[in-house]
């Protein structure tokens, strides 16, 4: 879903220099930050999605990172890995636990 969102945002923003994108969630930080960081990484403005997210955090809520969860960091890593692997999943084979 993050790939679809970033592609849509890039397409919209590239259609006209006057276009803007507004991204929001309930608290304006967690999911919004994830989407903005993925977009910034997708546009290659940052080397990693984590760097883009740290930039967002510094601009959105300087000095307060108590709201950042492990899940957000995990999805940033997933997104970054997908870009590094050119859209292929890191492990295409399903894993099955036997014990």
N, C-alpha and C. Protein backbone atom coordinates (compact mmCIF):
# COMPACT_ATOMS: atom_id res chain seq x y z
N UNK A 1 0.81 -1.18 0.00
CA UNK A 1 0.00 0.00 0.00
C UNK A 1 0.87 1.27 0.00
N UNK A 2 1.99 1.21 0.72
CA UNK A 2 2.87 2.38 0.75
C UNK A 2 3.44 2.69 -0.64
N UNK A 3 3.73 1.66 -1.40
CA UNK A 3 4.21 1.89 -2.77
C UNK A 3 3.14 2.57 -3.61
N UNK A 4 1.90 2.14 -3.47
CA UNK A 4 0.80 2.76 -4.22
C UNK A 4 0.61 4.22 -3.82
N UNK A 5 0.69 4.48 -2.54
CA UNK A 5 0.53 5.86 -2.06
C UNK A 5 1.65 6.75 -2.60
N UNK A 6 2.88 6.26 -2.52
CA UNK A 6 4.00 7.09 -2.99
C UNK A 6 3.95 7.30 -4.50
N UNK A 7 3.58 6.28 -5.23
CA UNK A 7 3.45 6.44 -6.68
C UNK A 7 2.35 7.45 -7.04
N UNK A 8 1.24 7.36 -6.34
CA UNK A 8 0.13 8.29 -6.58
C UNK A 8 0.53 9.72 -6.24
N UNK A 9 1.20 9.89 -5.12
CA UNK A 9 1.64 11.22 -4.73
C UNK A 9 2.64 11.79 -5.73
N UNK A 10 3.58 10.96 -6.16
CA UNK A 10 4.56 11.43 -7.14
C UNK A 10 3.87 11.82 -8.45
N UNK A 11 2.94 11.00 -8.89
CA UNK A 11 2.22 11.31 -10.14
C UNK A 11 1.45 12.62 -10.01
N UNK A 12 0.76 12.80 -8.90
CA UNK A 12 -0.01 14.02 -8.70
C UNK A 12 0.90 15.24 -8.65
N UNK A 13 1.98 15.16 -7.91
CA UNK A 13 2.89 16.30 -7.77
C UNK A 13 3.62 16.62 -9.07
N UNK A 14 3.88 15.62 -9.88
CA UNK A 14 4.61 15.87 -11.13
C UNK A 14 3.71 16.38 -12.25
N UNK A 15 2.39 16.30 -12.09
CA UNK A 15 1.48 16.76 -13.13
C UNK A 15 1.50 18.28 -13.30
N UNK A 16 1.70 18.99 -12.23
CA UNK A 16 1.67 20.46 -12.28
C UNK A 16 2.48 20.99 -11.10
N UNK A 17 3.38 21.94 -11.34
CA UNK A 17 4.18 22.48 -10.24
C UNK A 17 3.35 23.17 -9.15
N UNK A 18 2.11 23.51 -9.46
CA UNK A 18 1.24 24.15 -8.47
C UNK A 18 0.52 23.15 -7.57
N UNK A 19 0.59 21.87 -7.92
CA UNK A 19 -0.08 20.85 -7.11
C UNK A 19 0.60 20.70 -5.75
N UNK A 20 -0.20 20.47 -4.75
CA UNK A 20 0.30 20.17 -3.41
C UNK A 20 -0.36 18.88 -2.95
N UNK A 21 0.25 18.23 -1.99
CA UNK A 21 -0.32 17.02 -1.40
C UNK A 21 -0.50 17.25 0.09
N UNK A 22 -1.65 16.90 0.59
CA UNK A 22 -1.92 17.01 2.02
C UNK A 22 -2.10 15.60 2.56
N UNK A 23 -1.30 15.27 3.53
CA UNK A 23 -1.32 13.93 4.13
C UNK A 23 -1.61 14.10 5.61
N UNK A 24 -2.58 13.36 6.10
CA UNK A 24 -2.89 13.49 7.53
C UNK A 24 -3.42 12.18 8.08
N UNK A 25 -3.31 12.06 9.38
CA UNK A 25 -3.90 10.95 10.11
C UNK A 25 -4.49 11.53 11.39
N UNK A 26 -4.96 10.70 12.25
CA UNK A 26 -5.65 11.18 13.44
C UNK A 26 -4.79 12.10 14.30
N UNK A 27 -3.53 11.72 14.54
CA UNK A 27 -2.69 12.57 15.39
C UNK A 27 -1.68 13.40 14.58
N UNK A 28 -1.62 13.21 13.28
CA UNK A 28 -0.76 14.02 12.44
C UNK A 28 0.71 13.69 12.52
N UNK A 29 1.03 12.55 13.10
CA UNK A 29 2.44 12.22 13.24
C UNK A 29 2.77 10.82 12.72
N UNK A 30 2.17 9.80 13.28
CA UNK A 30 2.62 8.44 13.01
C UNK A 30 2.43 7.99 11.57
N UNK A 31 1.21 7.81 11.13
CA UNK A 31 0.97 7.37 9.76
C UNK A 31 1.31 8.45 8.75
N UNK A 32 1.09 9.69 9.13
CA UNK A 32 1.46 10.80 8.27
C UNK A 32 2.98 10.80 8.07
N UNK A 33 3.70 10.67 9.16
CA UNK A 33 5.16 10.64 9.09
C UNK A 33 5.67 9.49 8.24
N UNK A 34 5.04 8.34 8.38
CA UNK A 34 5.43 7.19 7.59
C UNK A 34 5.23 7.47 6.10
N UNK A 35 4.09 8.00 5.74
CA UNK A 35 3.80 8.29 4.33
C UNK A 35 4.74 9.37 3.79
N UNK A 36 4.97 10.43 4.56
CA UNK A 36 5.86 11.50 4.11
C UNK A 36 7.28 10.98 3.96
N UNK A 37 7.75 10.20 4.93
CA UNK A 37 9.11 9.65 4.85
C UNK A 37 9.27 8.74 3.64
N UNK A 38 8.27 7.92 3.37
CA UNK A 38 8.35 7.03 2.20
C UNK A 38 8.35 7.84 0.91
N UNK A 39 7.56 8.90 0.87
CA UNK A 39 7.56 9.76 -0.32
C UNK A 39 8.92 10.43 -0.51
N UNK A 40 9.48 10.97 0.56
CA UNK A 40 10.79 11.62 0.46
C UNK A 40 11.87 10.63 0.01
N UNK A 41 11.78 9.40 0.50
CA UNK A 41 12.74 8.36 0.08
C UNK A 41 12.49 7.99 -1.38
N UNK A 42 11.25 7.84 -1.76
CA UNK A 42 10.88 7.49 -3.13
C UNK A 42 11.41 8.53 -4.12
N UNK A 43 11.32 9.80 -3.73
CA UNK A 43 11.80 10.88 -4.58
C UNK A 43 13.31 11.06 -4.51
N UNK A 44 13.96 10.19 -3.77
CA UNK A 44 15.42 10.15 -3.60
C UNK A 44 15.98 11.44 -3.00
N UNK A 45 15.20 12.04 -2.11
CA UNK A 45 15.68 13.21 -1.39
C UNK A 45 16.51 12.81 -0.17
N UNK A 46 16.38 11.54 0.24
CA UNK A 46 17.16 10.99 1.34
C UNK A 46 17.67 9.62 0.92
N UNK A 47 18.78 9.21 1.53
CA UNK A 47 19.37 7.91 1.20
C UNK A 47 18.59 6.74 1.78
N UNK A 48 17.94 6.94 2.91
CA UNK A 48 17.14 5.88 3.53
C UNK A 48 15.82 6.46 4.00
N UNK A 49 14.86 5.58 4.19
CA UNK A 49 13.56 6.01 4.71
C UNK A 49 13.69 6.45 6.17
N UNK A 50 14.63 5.86 6.90
CA UNK A 50 14.84 6.25 8.29
C UNK A 50 15.34 7.69 8.38
N UNK A 51 16.24 8.07 7.49
CA UNK A 51 16.73 9.45 7.48
C UNK A 51 15.59 10.42 7.16
N UNK A 52 14.75 10.05 6.22
CA UNK A 52 13.61 10.89 5.86
C UNK A 52 12.64 11.02 7.03
N UNK A 53 12.42 9.92 7.74
CA UNK A 53 11.52 9.95 8.89
C UNK A 53 12.11 10.79 10.01
N UNK A 54 13.40 10.68 10.25
CA UNK A 54 14.05 11.50 11.27
C UNK A 54 13.92 12.98 10.93
N UNK A 55 14.03 13.31 9.65
CA UNK A 55 13.84 14.69 9.22
C UNK A 55 12.41 15.14 9.51
N UNK A 56 11.43 14.30 9.17
CA UNK A 56 10.03 14.62 9.45
C UNK A 56 9.83 14.85 10.95
N UNK A 57 10.38 13.97 11.78
CA UNK A 57 10.22 14.09 13.23
C UNK A 57 10.83 15.40 13.73
N UNK A 58 12.00 15.75 13.22
CA UNK A 58 12.66 16.98 13.65
C UNK A 58 11.85 18.21 13.27
N UNK A 59 11.16 18.14 12.14
CA UNK A 59 10.35 19.28 11.70
C UNK A 59 8.97 19.30 12.35
N UNK A 60 8.39 18.13 12.57
CA UNK A 60 7.02 18.03 13.08
C UNK A 60 6.95 18.21 14.59
N UNK A 61 7.85 17.54 15.30
CA UNK A 61 7.83 17.62 16.77
C UNK A 61 9.25 17.58 17.30
N UNK A 62 9.98 18.69 17.19
CA UNK A 62 11.37 18.70 17.62
C UNK A 62 11.51 18.36 19.11
N UNK A 63 12.43 17.48 19.39
CA UNK A 63 12.70 17.11 20.78
C UNK A 63 11.74 16.10 21.38
N UNK A 64 10.71 15.69 20.64
CA UNK A 64 9.74 14.73 21.18
C UNK A 64 9.58 13.57 20.21
N UNK A 65 10.25 12.48 20.52
CA UNK A 65 10.11 11.29 19.67
C UNK A 65 9.45 10.15 20.44
N UNK A 66 8.75 10.49 21.52
CA UNK A 66 8.12 9.46 22.34
C UNK A 66 7.00 8.73 21.61
N UNK A 67 6.48 9.32 20.56
CA UNK A 67 5.35 8.72 19.83
C UNK A 67 5.81 7.74 18.76
N UNK A 68 7.10 7.68 18.47
CA UNK A 68 7.62 6.79 17.43
C UNK A 68 7.61 5.36 17.96
N UNK A 69 6.95 4.48 17.21
CA UNK A 69 6.83 3.08 17.64
C UNK A 69 7.77 2.18 16.84
N UNK A 70 7.94 1.00 17.35
CA UNK A 70 8.75 -0.01 16.67
C UNK A 70 8.11 -0.37 15.33
N UNK A 71 6.80 -0.38 15.28
CA UNK A 71 6.08 -0.71 14.05
C UNK A 71 6.39 0.29 12.95
N UNK A 72 6.42 1.56 13.28
CA UNK A 72 6.76 2.57 12.28
C UNK A 72 8.15 2.33 11.74
N UNK A 73 9.10 2.08 12.62
CA UNK A 73 10.48 1.81 12.20
C UNK A 73 10.56 0.55 11.31
N UNK A 74 9.75 -0.45 11.66
CA UNK A 74 9.74 -1.69 10.88
C UNK A 74 9.24 -1.42 9.46
N UNK A 75 8.17 -0.65 9.33
CA UNK A 75 7.63 -0.37 8.00
C UNK A 75 8.55 0.53 7.19
N UNK A 76 9.30 1.39 7.85
CA UNK A 76 10.31 2.17 7.14
C UNK A 76 11.37 1.24 6.56
N UNK A 77 11.77 0.25 7.34
CA UNK A 77 12.76 -0.72 6.85
C UNK A 77 12.19 -1.53 5.69
N UNK A 78 10.93 -1.97 5.81
CA UNK A 78 10.30 -2.72 4.72
C UNK A 78 10.31 -1.90 3.43
N UNK A 79 9.91 -0.64 3.53
CA UNK A 79 9.84 0.22 2.35
C UNK A 79 11.23 0.42 1.75
N UNK A 80 12.19 0.68 2.60
CA UNK A 80 13.56 0.87 2.12
C UNK A 80 14.08 -0.39 1.44
N UNK A 81 13.81 -1.55 2.02
CA UNK A 81 14.24 -2.82 1.43
C UNK A 81 13.59 -3.04 0.07
N UNK A 82 12.32 -2.69 -0.05
CA UNK A 82 11.65 -2.85 -1.35
C UNK A 82 12.30 -1.98 -2.42
N UNK A 83 12.71 -0.79 -2.06
CA UNK A 83 13.37 0.07 -3.04
C UNK A 83 14.75 -0.46 -3.40
N UNK A 84 15.46 -0.94 -2.41
CA UNK A 84 16.79 -1.50 -2.67
C UNK A 84 16.69 -2.74 -3.56
N UNK A 85 15.67 -3.54 -3.33
CA UNK A 85 15.49 -4.79 -4.09
C UNK A 85 14.65 -4.60 -5.34
N UNK A 86 14.43 -3.35 -5.76
CA UNK A 86 13.69 -3.02 -6.99
C UNK A 86 12.27 -3.57 -6.98
N UNK A 87 11.60 -3.50 -5.85
CA UNK A 87 10.20 -3.91 -5.78
C UNK A 87 9.96 -5.37 -5.49
N UNK A 88 11.02 -6.16 -5.46
CA UNK A 88 10.84 -7.58 -5.13
C UNK A 88 10.78 -7.75 -3.62
N UNK A 89 9.95 -8.64 -3.13
CA UNK A 89 9.93 -8.88 -1.69
C UNK A 89 11.26 -9.49 -1.24
N UNK A 90 11.72 -9.18 -0.03
CA UNK A 90 13.00 -9.71 0.44
C UNK A 90 13.07 -11.23 0.44
N UNK A 91 11.97 -11.90 0.77
CA UNK A 91 11.93 -13.36 0.76
C UNK A 91 10.63 -13.78 0.09
N UNK A 92 10.67 -14.16 -1.18
CA UNK A 92 9.42 -14.49 -1.88
C UNK A 92 8.84 -15.83 -1.48
N UNK A 93 9.61 -16.65 -0.77
CA UNK A 93 9.12 -17.98 -0.42
C UNK A 93 8.50 -17.94 0.97
N UNK A 94 7.30 -18.49 1.11
CA UNK A 94 6.68 -18.50 2.44
C UNK A 94 7.45 -19.39 3.40
N UNK A 95 7.50 -18.98 4.63
CA UNK A 95 8.16 -19.78 5.67
C UNK A 95 7.11 -20.54 6.44
N UNK A 96 7.43 -21.76 6.79
CA UNK A 96 6.49 -22.58 7.55
C UNK A 96 7.18 -23.09 8.79
N UNK A 97 6.58 -22.82 9.93
CA UNK A 97 7.12 -23.31 11.20
C UNK A 97 6.61 -24.73 11.43
N UNK A 98 7.52 -25.61 11.76
CA UNK A 98 7.13 -27.00 11.99
C UNK A 98 7.00 -27.32 13.48
N UNK A 99 7.73 -26.61 14.29
CA UNK A 99 7.67 -26.85 15.75
C UNK A 99 7.67 -25.55 16.48
